Amino acid sequence: MASIDRRVRRSRDGERQLRYIVRWREPGGGARSKTFTRKTDANRFAATVSADIVRGQYFDPDAGKVSFKDYTRSGWKLRRSTKALERPSNCVYGCTPIRASARNC
């Protein structure tokens, strides 16, 4: 499932630096990679990713990278687009998307 490539690169001062690149394919077909400085770390990560894919427990590491600001803005856009601004009778005036989700408004 996952493969490990060894790369040698030169730093600015001319030193050789070893890097290990773990490459794998996501269940959706996209290619991903992650770089390590130690081979043992690369081997462990490759084994973990491969096992997660086989078991069906793999998830995209970037899936949860939504800022709080974007989350709240998307909540307001959703509420406006569905005309949910007419508040239900059990919601107090001034509910925000965050308060609404916490209070089940």
N, C-alpha and C. Protein backbone atom coordinates (compact mmCIF):
# COMPACT_ATOMS: atom_id res chain seq x y z
N MET A 1 0.82 -1.20 0.00
CA MET A 1 0.00 0.00 0.00
C MET A 1 0.86 1.26 0.00
N ALA A 2 1.71 1.40 1.00
CA ALA A 2 2.57 2.58 1.11
C ALA A 2 3.99 2.19 0.70
N SER A 3 4.68 3.13 0.06
CA SER A 3 6.07 2.88 -0.32
C SER A 3 6.96 3.95 0.30
N ILE A 4 8.23 3.60 0.50
CA ILE A 4 9.19 4.51 1.11
C ILE A 4 10.32 4.76 0.13
N ASP A 5 10.58 6.01 -0.16
CA ASP A 5 11.69 6.40 -1.04
C ASP A 5 12.74 7.12 -0.21
N ARG A 6 14.00 6.82 -0.49
CA ARG A 6 15.11 7.48 0.19
C ARG A 6 15.65 8.58 -0.71
N ARG A 7 15.73 9.78 -0.18
CA ARG A 7 16.22 10.92 -0.95
C ARG A 7 17.40 11.55 -0.21
N VAL A 8 18.40 11.93 -0.97
CA VAL A 8 19.54 12.64 -0.42
C VAL A 8 19.52 14.04 -1.01
N ARG A 9 19.58 15.02 -0.13
CA ARG A 9 19.61 16.40 -0.62
C ARG A 9 20.73 17.14 0.08
N ARG A 10 21.14 18.20 -0.50
CA ARG A 10 22.21 19.02 0.06
C ARG A 10 21.61 20.25 0.72
N SER A 11 22.10 20.55 1.90
CA SER A 11 21.66 21.77 2.57
C SER A 11 22.43 22.95 2.00
N ARG A 12 22.12 24.12 2.45
CA ARG A 12 22.79 25.33 1.92
C ARG A 12 24.28 25.34 2.22
N ASP A 13 24.66 24.74 3.33
CA ASP A 13 26.08 24.72 3.67
C ASP A 13 26.80 23.50 3.10
N GLY A 14 26.14 22.72 2.25
CA GLY A 14 26.76 21.60 1.55
C GLY A 14 26.66 20.27 2.26
N GLU A 15 26.00 20.21 3.38
CA GLU A 15 25.84 18.96 4.11
C GLU A 15 24.83 18.06 3.43
N ARG A 16 25.09 16.74 3.48
CA ARG A 16 24.13 15.79 2.94
C ARG A 16 23.06 15.53 3.98
N GLN A 17 21.82 15.54 3.55
CA GLN A 17 20.70 15.27 4.44
C GLN A 17 19.86 14.15 3.85
N LEU A 18 19.64 13.11 4.65
CA LEU A 18 18.80 12.01 4.21
C LEU A 18 17.35 12.31 4.56
N ARG A 19 16.46 12.03 3.64
CA ARG A 19 15.03 12.16 3.85
C ARG A 19 14.36 10.89 3.35
N TYR A 20 13.33 10.50 4.06
CA TYR A 20 12.54 9.33 3.67
C TYR A 20 11.12 9.79 3.38
N ILE A 21 10.68 9.53 2.16
CA ILE A 21 9.37 9.98 1.72
C ILE A 21 8.43 8.78 1.66
N VAL A 22 7.36 8.86 2.43
CA VAL A 22 6.33 7.81 2.41
C VAL A 22 5.23 8.27 1.45
N ARG A 23 4.93 7.44 0.47
CA ARG A 23 3.88 7.75 -0.51
C ARG A 23 2.80 6.68 -0.43
N TRP A 24 1.56 7.13 -0.54
CA TRP A 24 0.44 6.19 -0.51
C TRP A 24 -0.73 6.74 -1.29
N ARG A 25 -1.61 5.86 -1.68
CA ARG A 25 -2.84 6.25 -2.39
C ARG A 25 -4.00 6.18 -1.43
N GLU A 26 -4.81 7.23 -1.43
CA GLU A 26 -6.01 7.25 -0.60
C GLU A 26 -7.08 6.38 -1.24
N PRO A 27 -8.05 5.94 -0.45
CA PRO A 27 -9.14 5.13 -1.03
C PRO A 27 -9.89 5.85 -2.15
N GLY A 28 -9.93 7.16 -2.13
CA GLY A 28 -10.59 7.92 -3.19
C GLY A 28 -9.77 8.06 -4.45
N GLY A 29 -8.49 7.63 -4.42
CA GLY A 29 -7.66 7.66 -5.61
C GLY A 29 -6.57 8.72 -5.59
N GLY A 30 -6.60 9.64 -4.64
CA GLY A 30 -5.60 10.69 -4.59
C GLY A 30 -4.28 10.20 -4.01
N ALA A 31 -3.19 10.79 -4.46
CA ALA A 31 -1.87 10.42 -3.97
C ALA A 31 -1.45 11.38 -2.86
N ARG A 32 -0.85 10.84 -1.82
CA ARG A 32 -0.39 11.62 -0.68
C ARG A 32 1.06 11.26 -0.38
N SER A 33 1.76 12.13 0.32
CA SER A 33 3.12 11.83 0.76
C SER A 33 3.43 12.59 2.03
N LYS A 34 4.38 12.05 2.77
CA LYS A 34 4.86 12.69 4.00
C LYS A 34 6.34 12.38 4.12
N THR A 35 7.12 13.37 4.59
CA THR A 35 8.56 13.24 4.65
C THR A 35 9.04 13.08 6.09
N PHE A 36 10.04 12.20 6.28
CA PHE A 36 10.62 11.94 7.59
C PHE A 36 12.14 12.02 7.51
N THR A 37 12.76 12.33 8.63
CA THR A 37 14.23 12.33 8.69
C THR A 37 14.77 11.00 9.16
N ARG A 38 13.98 10.22 9.89
CA ARG A 38 14.41 8.91 10.38
C ARG A 38 13.66 7.79 9.66
N LYS A 39 14.40 6.75 9.30
CA LYS A 39 13.80 5.63 8.57
C LYS A 39 12.79 4.88 9.44
N THR A 40 13.07 4.76 10.73
CA THR A 40 12.14 4.04 11.61
C THR A 40 10.80 4.75 11.69
N ASP A 41 10.82 6.08 11.73
CA ASP A 41 9.56 6.83 11.73
C ASP A 41 8.79 6.62 10.43
N ALA A 42 9.53 6.61 9.32
CA ALA A 42 8.88 6.39 8.01
C ALA A 42 8.27 5.00 7.94
N ASN A 43 8.99 3.99 8.44
CA ASN A 43 8.47 2.61 8.42
C ASN A 43 7.21 2.48 9.28
N ARG A 44 7.24 3.07 10.46
CA ARG A 44 6.06 3.01 11.34
C ARG A 44 4.85 3.70 10.71
N PHE A 45 5.09 4.86 10.14
CA PHE A 45 3.98 5.59 9.51
C PHE A 45 3.42 4.82 8.33
N ALA A 46 4.31 4.25 7.50
CA ALA A 46 3.85 3.49 6.33
C ALA A 46 3.03 2.27 6.76
N ALA A 47 3.47 1.59 7.82
CA ALA A 47 2.72 0.43 8.31
C ALA A 47 1.36 0.84 8.85
N THR A 48 1.32 1.96 9.57
CA THR A 48 0.05 2.44 10.13
C THR A 48 -0.93 2.83 9.03
N VAL A 49 -0.46 3.57 8.04
CA VAL A 49 -1.34 4.00 6.94
C VAL A 49 -1.84 2.80 6.16
N SER A 50 -0.94 1.87 5.87
CA SER A 50 -1.35 0.67 5.11
C SER A 50 -2.40 -0.13 5.87
N ALA A 51 -2.18 -0.31 7.16
CA ALA A 51 -3.15 -1.07 7.96
C ALA A 51 -4.50 -0.36 8.05
N ASP A 52 -4.46 0.97 8.20
CA ASP A 52 -5.71 1.73 8.26
C ASP A 52 -6.50 1.63 6.96
N ILE A 53 -5.80 1.66 5.84
CA ILE A 53 -6.48 1.55 4.54
C ILE A 53 -7.12 0.17 4.39
N VAL A 54 -6.38 -0.88 4.75
CA VAL A 54 -6.89 -2.25 4.63
C VAL A 54 -8.11 -2.46 5.53
N ARG A 55 -8.06 -1.91 6.77
CA ARG A 55 -9.17 -2.08 7.71
C ARG A 55 -10.35 -1.16 7.40
N GLY A 56 -10.15 -0.18 6.53
CA GLY A 56 -11.21 0.78 6.23
C GLY A 56 -11.33 1.87 7.27
N GLN A 57 -10.29 2.09 8.05
CA GLN A 57 -10.31 3.11 9.09
C GLN A 57 -9.50 4.35 8.73
N TYR A 58 -9.03 4.43 7.49
CA TYR A 58 -8.22 5.58 7.07
C TYR A 58 -9.10 6.80 6.93
N PHE A 59 -8.60 7.94 7.39
CA PHE A 59 -9.28 9.21 7.17
C PHE A 59 -8.28 10.23 6.69
N ASP A 60 -8.75 11.19 5.94
CA ASP A 60 -7.91 12.24 5.38
C ASP A 60 -7.41 13.15 6.50
N PRO A 61 -6.09 13.30 6.67
CA PRO A 61 -5.58 14.16 7.74
C PRO A 61 -5.96 15.63 7.57
N ASP A 62 -6.24 16.05 6.34
CA ASP A 62 -6.60 17.45 6.10
C ASP A 62 -8.10 17.69 6.19
N ALA A 63 -8.87 16.65 6.46
CA ALA A 63 -10.32 16.79 6.47
C ALA A 63 -10.80 17.73 7.58
N GLY A 64 -10.14 17.77 8.68
CA GLY A 64 -10.58 18.59 9.80
C GLY A 64 -9.97 19.96 9.86
N LYS A 65 -9.28 20.37 8.82
CA LYS A 65 -8.61 21.67 8.84
C LYS A 65 -9.54 22.78 8.36
N VAL A 66 -10.51 23.10 9.18
CA VAL A 66 -11.43 24.20 8.91
C VAL A 66 -11.29 25.16 10.08
N SER A 67 -11.00 26.42 9.76
CA SER A 67 -10.83 27.38 10.85
C SER A 67 -12.18 27.71 11.48
N PHE A 68 -12.13 28.14 12.71
CA PHE A 68 -13.34 28.49 13.44
C PHE A 68 -14.09 29.61 12.71
N LYS A 69 -13.35 30.55 12.16
CA LYS A 69 -13.95 31.68 11.43
C LYS A 69 -14.74 31.17 10.21
N ASP A 70 -14.14 30.26 9.44
CA ASP A 70 -14.83 29.71 8.27
C ASP A 70 -16.04 28.88 8.68
N TYR A 71 -15.92 28.14 9.78
CA TYR A 71 -17.03 27.33 10.27
C TYR A 71 -18.23 28.20 10.62
N THR A 72 -17.99 29.30 11.33
CA THR A 72 -19.11 30.15 11.73
C THR A 72 -19.71 30.86 10.52
N ARG A 73 -18.87 31.25 9.58
CA ARG A 73 -19.40 31.90 8.37
C ARG A 73 -20.25 30.94 7.55
N SER A 74 -19.81 29.69 7.44
CA SER A 74 -20.59 28.72 6.67
C SER A 74 -21.92 28.45 7.35
N GLY A 75 -21.96 28.48 8.68
CA GLY A 75 -23.21 28.30 9.40
C GLY A 75 -24.20 29.41 9.09
N TRP A 76 -23.70 30.65 9.04
CA TRP A 76 -24.59 31.77 8.72
C TRP A 76 -25.08 31.68 7.28
N LYS A 77 -24.19 31.29 6.36
CA LYS A 77 -24.61 31.17 4.96
C LYS A 77 -25.68 30.10 4.80
N LEU A 78 -25.50 28.99 5.50
CA LEU A 78 -26.48 27.90 5.43
C LEU A 78 -27.82 28.36 5.98
N ARG A 79 -27.79 29.05 7.09
CA ARG A 79 -29.05 29.51 7.69
C ARG A 79 -29.75 30.52 6.79
N ARG A 80 -28.97 31.39 6.17
CA ARG A 80 -29.58 32.39 5.28
C ARG A 80 -30.13 31.74 4.02
N SER A 81 -29.38 30.76 3.48
CA SER A 81 -29.83 30.15 2.24
C SER A 81 -31.08 29.30 2.44
N THR A 82 -31.28 28.75 3.61
CA THR A 82 -32.46 27.93 3.87
C THR A 82 -33.57 28.71 4.55
N LYS A 83 -33.40 30.01 4.64
CA LYS A 83 -34.37 30.91 5.26
C LYS A 83 -34.67 30.49 6.68
N ALA A 84 -33.62 30.10 7.39
CA ALA A 84 -33.79 29.66 8.77
C ALA A 84 -33.67 30.84 9.74
N LEU A 85 -33.73 32.04 9.20
CA LEU A 85 -33.63 33.20 10.09
C LEU A 85 -34.90 33.40 10.90
N GLU A 86 -36.02 32.81 10.44
CA GLU A 86 -37.20 32.83 11.30
C GLU A 86 -36.93 31.84 12.42
N ARG A 87 -36.69 32.36 13.58
CA ARG A 87 -36.26 31.53 14.70
C ARG A 87 -37.44 30.72 15.26
N PRO A 88 -37.18 29.49 15.64
CA PRO A 88 -38.23 28.71 16.27
C PRO A 88 -38.62 29.32 17.61
N SER A 89 -39.75 28.97 18.10
CA SER A 89 -40.26 29.58 19.32
C SER A 89 -39.41 29.29 20.54
N ASN A 90 -38.64 28.20 20.53
CA ASN A 90 -37.82 27.88 21.69
C ASN A 90 -36.44 28.52 21.65
N CYS A 91 -36.15 29.32 20.64
CA CYS A 91 -34.85 29.96 20.51
C CYS A 91 -34.94 31.40 20.99
N VAL A 92 -34.00 31.79 21.81
CA VAL A 92 -33.99 33.16 22.29
C VAL A 92 -33.44 34.06 21.20
N TYR A 93 -33.80 35.32 21.26
CA TYR A 93 -33.32 36.28 20.25
C TYR A 93 -31.81 36.39 20.32
N GLY A 94 -31.16 36.41 19.19
CA GLY A 94 -29.72 36.58 19.13
C GLY A 94 -28.94 35.28 19.04
N CYS A 95 -29.59 34.19 18.64
CA CYS A 95 -28.87 32.93 18.50
C CYS A 95 -27.85 33.03 17.37
N THR A 96 -26.66 32.56 17.62
CA THR A 96 -25.64 32.43 16.58
C THR A 96 -25.58 30.96 16.19
N PRO A 97 -24.91 30.62 15.08
CA PRO A 97 -24.84 29.21 14.72
C PRO A 97 -24.23 28.35 15.83
N ILE A 98 -23.27 28.92 16.56
CA ILE A 98 -22.64 28.15 17.64
C ILE A 98 -23.62 27.95 18.78
N ARG A 99 -24.28 29.01 19.20
CA ARG A 99 -25.26 28.89 20.28
C ARG A 99 -26.42 27.98 19.86
N ALA A 100 -26.81 28.12 18.60
CA ALA A 100 -27.93 27.32 18.12
C ALA A 100 -27.60 25.84 18.15
N SER A 101 -26.36 25.48 17.79
CA SER A 101 -26.00 24.07 17.82
C SER A 101 -25.87 23.58 19.26
N ALA A 102 -25.45 24.44 20.16
CA ALA A 102 -25.30 24.03 21.56
C ALA A 102 -26.66 23.90 22.25
N ARG A 103 -27.62 24.73 21.86
CA ARG A 103 -28.93 24.72 22.51
C ARG A 103 -29.98 23.95 21.74
N ASN A 104 -29.61 23.39 20.61
CA ASN A 104 -30.56 22.70 19.73
C ASN A 104 -31.67 23.63 19.26
N CYS A 105 -31.29 24.84 18.89
CA CYS A 105 -32.28 25.80 18.37
C CYS A 105 -32.58 25.51 16.92
